[in-house]
Every structure is written in structure tokens, then in C-alpha cells.
Amino acid sequence: MQLISVHPDVLHGQAHVRGTRIPVALVLGCLAEGMSEQEIVREYPTLTVEGIRAAAAYAAELTREDVFPLPMS
């Protein structure tokens, strides 16, 4: 989590990988599209594998918040 930053003056307050202007959401989108860590680093050279993993860990932590069951259809 030390590699993730949220600051109102950077990227309009979006969570991003510290030391870059790359939002966590962009990293997660790349992973969701099936890109490997190496492909993401090649596409965004300011990222590191550690930054990619920190973004994924940050997203995982967000999903651990209160969960409200959805009604069955």
C-alpha cells in the first residue's frame, strides 16, 4: 500500500501508483484485459512490477469493505 497514493492535486484525487501519473484503474484494466505484468511495464515504463501488484492489492482491499447482498432476480 505504500506504493499507492491519493492526493487531490494529482489526477483529480484518483488513486495512482506513487511516483507516476498512472491510475490504479488503468493498471486494473490492463490486468483485466489479460496483459501480463511485463506487457504492462513495457507499455508504461514508469511502472514497476511492484507498482502493478500494489495496485491489485489496493483494489483487493477496497473489495473487503462492507458488502451488501444483492436481491435475487
C-alpha atoms as a PDB file:
ATOM      1  CA  MET A   1       0.000   0.000   0.000  1.00  0.00           C
ATOM      2  CA  GLN A   2       2.997   2.302   0.355  1.00  0.00           C
ATOM      3  CA  LEU A   3       3.197   2.436  -3.445  1.00  0.00           C
ATOM      4  CA  ILE A   4      -0.356   3.754  -3.838  1.00  0.00           C
ATOM      5  CA  SER A   5      -1.100   7.438  -3.410  1.00  0.00           C
ATOM      6  CA  VAL A   6      -4.268   9.505  -3.338  1.00  0.00           C
ATOM      7  CA  HIS A   7      -3.785  13.259  -3.476  1.00  0.00           C
ATOM      8  CA  PRO A   8      -6.363  15.838  -4.559  1.00  0.00           C
ATOM      9  CA  ASP A   9      -3.806  17.688  -6.700  1.00  0.00           C
ATOM     10  CA  VAL A  10      -2.745  14.609  -8.678  1.00  0.00           C
ATOM     11  CA  LEU A  11      -5.090  13.037 -11.232  1.00  0.00           C
ATOM     12  CA  HIS A  12      -8.078  14.766  -9.629  1.00  0.00           C
ATOM     13  CA  GLY A  13      -7.663  12.663  -6.496  1.00  0.00           C
ATOM     14  CA  GLN A  14      -7.684   9.283  -8.243  1.00  0.00           C
ATOM     15  CA  ALA A  15      -5.657   6.528  -6.606  1.00  0.00           C
ATOM     16  CA  HIS A  16      -2.427   6.130  -8.553  1.00  0.00           C
ATOM     17  CA  VAL A  17       0.907   4.369  -8.351  1.00  0.00           C
ATOM     18  CA  ARG A  18       3.218   6.619  -6.335  1.00  0.00           C
ATOM     19  CA  GLY A  19       5.847   8.373  -8.409  1.00  0.00           C
ATOM     20  CA  THR A  20       3.768   8.047 -11.584  1.00  0.00           C
ATOM     21  CA  ARG A  21       0.638   9.591 -13.014  1.00  0.00           C
ATOM     22  CA  ILE A  22      -0.790   6.143 -13.729  1.00  0.00           C
ATOM     23  CA  PRO A  23      -4.139   5.499 -12.051  1.00  0.00           C
ATOM     24  CA  VAL A  24      -4.859   2.232 -10.286  1.00  0.00           C
ATOM     25  CA  ALA A  25      -7.927   1.874 -12.534  1.00  0.00           C
ATOM     26  CA  LEU A  26      -5.730   1.847 -15.654  1.00  0.00           C
ATOM     27  CA  VAL A  27      -3.499  -0.874 -14.193  1.00  0.00           C
ATOM     28  CA  LEU A  28      -6.539  -2.961 -13.251  1.00  0.00           C
ATOM     29  CA  GLY A  29      -7.984  -2.505 -16.734  1.00  0.00           C
ATOM     30  CA  CYS A  30      -4.767  -3.790 -18.272  1.00  0.00           C
ATOM     31  CA  LEU A  31      -4.807  -6.827 -15.991  1.00  0.00           C
ATOM     32  CA  ALA A  32      -8.484  -7.442 -16.782  1.00  0.00           C
ATOM     33  CA  GLU A  33      -7.650  -7.409 -20.499  1.00  0.00           C
ATOM     34  CA  GLY A  34      -5.163 -10.207 -19.862  1.00  0.00           C
ATOM     35  CA  MET A  35      -1.953  -8.214 -20.146  1.00  0.00           C
ATOM     36  CA  SER A  36       0.993  -9.690 -18.272  1.00  0.00           C
ATOM     37  CA  GLU A  37       2.979  -7.623 -15.794  1.00  0.00           C
ATOM     38  CA  GLN A  38       5.820  -7.467 -18.306  1.00  0.00           C
ATOM     39  CA  GLU A  39       3.488  -6.216 -21.066  1.00  0.00           C
ATOM     40  CA  ILE A  40       2.138  -3.500 -18.777  1.00  0.00           C
ATOM     41  CA  VAL A  41       5.645  -2.370 -17.810  1.00  0.00           C
ATOM     42  CA  ARG A  42       6.606  -2.287 -21.483  1.00  0.00           C
ATOM     43  CA  GLU A  43       3.532  -0.154 -22.274  1.00  0.00           C
ATOM     44  CA  TYR A  44       4.008   2.098 -19.218  1.00  0.00           C
ATOM     45  CA  PRO A  45       7.754   2.193 -18.460  1.00  0.00           C
ATOM     46  CA  THR A  46       7.365   4.336 -15.327  1.00  0.00           C
ATOM     47  CA  LEU A  47       5.555   1.405 -13.683  1.00  0.00           C
ATOM     48  CA  THR A  48       7.265  -1.455 -11.924  1.00  0.00           C
ATOM     49  CA  VAL A  49       6.007  -4.952 -11.246  1.00  0.00           C
ATOM     50  CA  GLU A  50       5.811  -3.936  -7.577  1.00  0.00           C
ATOM     51  CA  GLY A  51       3.588  -0.980  -8.534  1.00  0.00           C
ATOM     52  CA  ILE A  52       1.291  -3.252 -10.524  1.00  0.00           C
ATOM     53  CA  ARG A  53       0.988  -5.654  -7.603  1.00  0.00           C
ATOM     54  CA  ALA A  54       0.368  -2.757  -5.213  1.00  0.00           C
ATOM     55  CA  ALA A  55      -2.478  -1.553  -7.454  1.00  0.00           C
ATOM     56  CA  ALA A  56      -4.022  -5.024  -7.391  1.00  0.00           C
ATOM     57  CA  ALA A  57      -3.616  -5.228  -3.603  1.00  0.00           C
ATOM     58  CA  TYR A  58      -5.247  -1.807  -3.213  1.00  0.00           C
ATOM     59  CA  ALA A  59      -8.232  -2.935  -5.289  1.00  0.00           C
ATOM     60  CA  ALA A  60      -8.481  -6.163  -3.304  1.00  0.00           C
ATOM     61  CA  GLU A  61      -8.532  -4.182  -0.078  1.00  0.00           C
ATOM     62  CA  LEU A  62     -11.367  -1.998  -1.391  1.00  0.00           C
ATOM     63  CA  THR A  63     -13.475  -5.076  -2.022  1.00  0.00           C
ATOM     64  CA  ARG A  64     -13.086  -6.113   1.621  1.00  0.00           C
ATOM     65  CA  GLU A  65     -15.280  -3.219   2.763  1.00  0.00           C
ATOM     66  CA  ASP A  66     -18.886  -3.732   3.810  1.00  0.00           C
ATOM     67  CA  VAL A  67     -20.680  -5.948   1.333  1.00  0.00           C
ATOM     68  CA  PHE A  68     -24.401  -5.654   0.845  1.00  0.00           C
ATOM     69  CA  PRO A  69     -26.099  -8.703  -0.676  1.00  0.00           C
ATOM     70  CA  LEU A  70     -27.929  -8.060  -3.928  1.00  0.00           C
ATOM     71  CA  PRO A  71     -31.516  -9.212  -4.182  1.00  0.00           C
ATOM     72  CA  MET A  72     -32.067 -12.396  -6.184  1.00  0.00           C
ATOM     73  CA  SER A  73     -33.784 -11.854  -9.519  1.00  0.00           C
END
